[in-house]
Amino acid sequence: MAEHFIGVDVGTGSARAGVFDAVGTMLASAKADIRLWREAGDMVEQSSNDIWRAVCTRVREAVAAAGVSPSDMQPGMSGYSMRNPPPSSRERGRIVNG
């Protein structure tokens, strides 16, 4: 059985999903815009339901486009916000990338 991984990135304006092989090569990706509501000043809101729906749909699309079986997907989860990186990404008070 081949090993494949799903990467998901949710930004302010879109949700993206990619399927990667065990060495990190992207096999396929899919993207969906996320509806934004803008209010006075710099206030922007999003719907959690819209985000979740976009992520689920785009993951299915990317897996199908990659031509791999969903059973080849490896479990795992990692995520963080650029505004609030996890403690493990901090080194002596500065953010460490990669």
Protein backbone atom coordinates (compact mmCIF):
# COMPACT_ATOMS: atom_id res chain seq x y z
CA MET A 1 0.00 0.00 0.00
CA ALA A 2 1.31 3.43 -0.96
CA GLU A 3 1.48 6.20 1.60
CA HIS A 4 -0.18 9.51 0.82
CA PHE A 5 -0.90 12.55 2.95
CA ILE A 6 -3.41 15.38 2.79
CA GLY A 7 -2.41 18.96 3.45
CA VAL A 8 -5.05 21.61 4.14
CA ASP A 9 -4.55 25.36 4.26
CA VAL A 10 -7.36 27.74 5.18
CA GLY A 11 -6.65 31.39 4.62
CA THR A 12 -8.74 34.52 4.80
CA GLY A 13 -10.17 34.12 1.31
CA SER A 14 -9.87 30.44 0.41
CA ALA A 15 -9.46 26.84 1.51
CA ARG A 16 -6.92 24.63 -0.26
CA ALA A 17 -6.23 20.91 -0.09
CA GLY A 18 -3.34 18.95 -1.56
CA VAL A 19 -2.41 15.28 -1.78
CA PHE A 20 1.28 14.45 -1.31
CA ASP A 21 3.32 11.28 -1.61
CA ALA A 22 5.71 10.04 1.07
CA VAL A 23 8.60 12.18 -0.22
CA GLY A 24 6.53 15.38 -0.33
CA THR A 25 5.66 15.61 -4.01
CA MET A 26 2.26 17.22 -4.54
CA LEU A 27 0.14 14.93 -6.70
CA ALA A 28 -2.97 17.11 -6.91
CA SER A 29 -4.63 20.09 -5.30
CA ALA A 30 -8.00 21.85 -5.17
CA LYS A 31 -9.07 25.31 -4.01
CA ALA A 32 -12.34 26.99 -3.06
CA ASP A 33 -13.03 30.61 -2.27
CA ILE A 34 -14.57 31.36 1.12
CA ARG A 35 -17.34 33.91 1.38
CA LEU A 36 -16.40 37.01 3.39
CA TRP A 37 -18.60 39.53 5.12
CA ARG A 38 -16.98 42.94 5.44
CA GLU A 39 -18.11 45.40 8.05
CA ALA A 40 -17.11 48.91 8.98
CA GLY A 41 -13.39 49.45 9.31
CA ASP A 42 -11.19 46.41 8.81
CA MET A 43 -13.64 43.86 10.22
CA VAL A 44 -14.05 40.68 8.17
CA GLU A 45 -16.12 37.65 9.13
CA GLN A 46 -16.38 34.13 7.74
CA SER A 47 -18.77 31.24 8.28
CA SER A 48 -17.29 28.19 10.01
CA ASN A 49 -19.83 26.07 8.13
CA ASP A 50 -18.64 27.49 4.78
CA ILE A 51 -15.02 26.80 5.72
CA TRP A 52 -15.69 23.21 6.81
CA ARG A 53 -17.78 22.51 3.69
CA ALA A 54 -15.03 23.95 1.45
CA VAL A 55 -12.31 21.88 3.17
CA CYS A 56 -14.27 18.61 2.96
CA THR A 57 -15.23 19.13 -0.68
CA ARG A 58 -11.71 20.13 -1.75
CA VAL A 59 -10.07 17.20 0.07
CA ARG A 60 -12.36 14.80 -1.82
CA GLU A 61 -11.58 16.62 -5.10
CA ALA A 62 -7.82 16.51 -4.54
CA VAL A 63 -7.85 12.80 -3.62
CA ALA A 64 -9.88 11.99 -6.75
CA ALA A 65 -7.61 14.14 -8.95
CA ALA A 66 -4.50 12.44 -7.53
CA GLY A 67 -5.93 9.07 -8.54
CA VAL A 68 -5.16 7.48 -5.19
CA SER A 69 -7.40 5.43 -2.96
CA PRO A 70 -8.75 7.12 0.16
CA SER A 71 -7.52 4.03 2.03
CA ASP A 72 -3.94 5.05 1.11
CA MET A 73 -4.24 8.25 3.15
CA GLN A 74 -2.15 8.23 6.31
CA PRO A 75 -3.61 9.52 9.57
CA GLY A 76 -2.18 12.59 11.17
CA MET A 77 -2.96 16.17 11.94
CA SER A 78 -0.90 19.27 12.34
CA GLY A 79 -1.93 22.86 12.16
CA TYR A 80 -1.34 26.33 13.44
CA SER A 81 -2.32 29.91 12.93
CA MET A 82 0.27 32.33 11.61
CA ARG A 83 -0.88 34.70 14.35
CA ASN A 84 -0.52 32.09 17.08
CA PRO A 85 2.13 29.51 16.23
CA PRO A 86 2.36 26.49 18.50
CA PRO A 87 4.96 26.60 21.29
CA SER A 88 7.04 23.95 19.51
CA SER A 89 7.70 26.42 16.69
CA ARG A 90 9.30 28.96 19.00
CA GLU A 91 12.98 29.06 19.74
CA ARG A 92 14.39 31.56 22.24
CA GLY A 93 11.50 33.97 21.75
CA ARG A 94 11.46 33.96 17.95
CA ILE A 95 9.36 31.96 15.50
CA VAL A 96 11.19 29.16 13.72
CA ASN A 97 10.00 28.33 10.21
CA GLY A 98 10.28 24.82 8.83
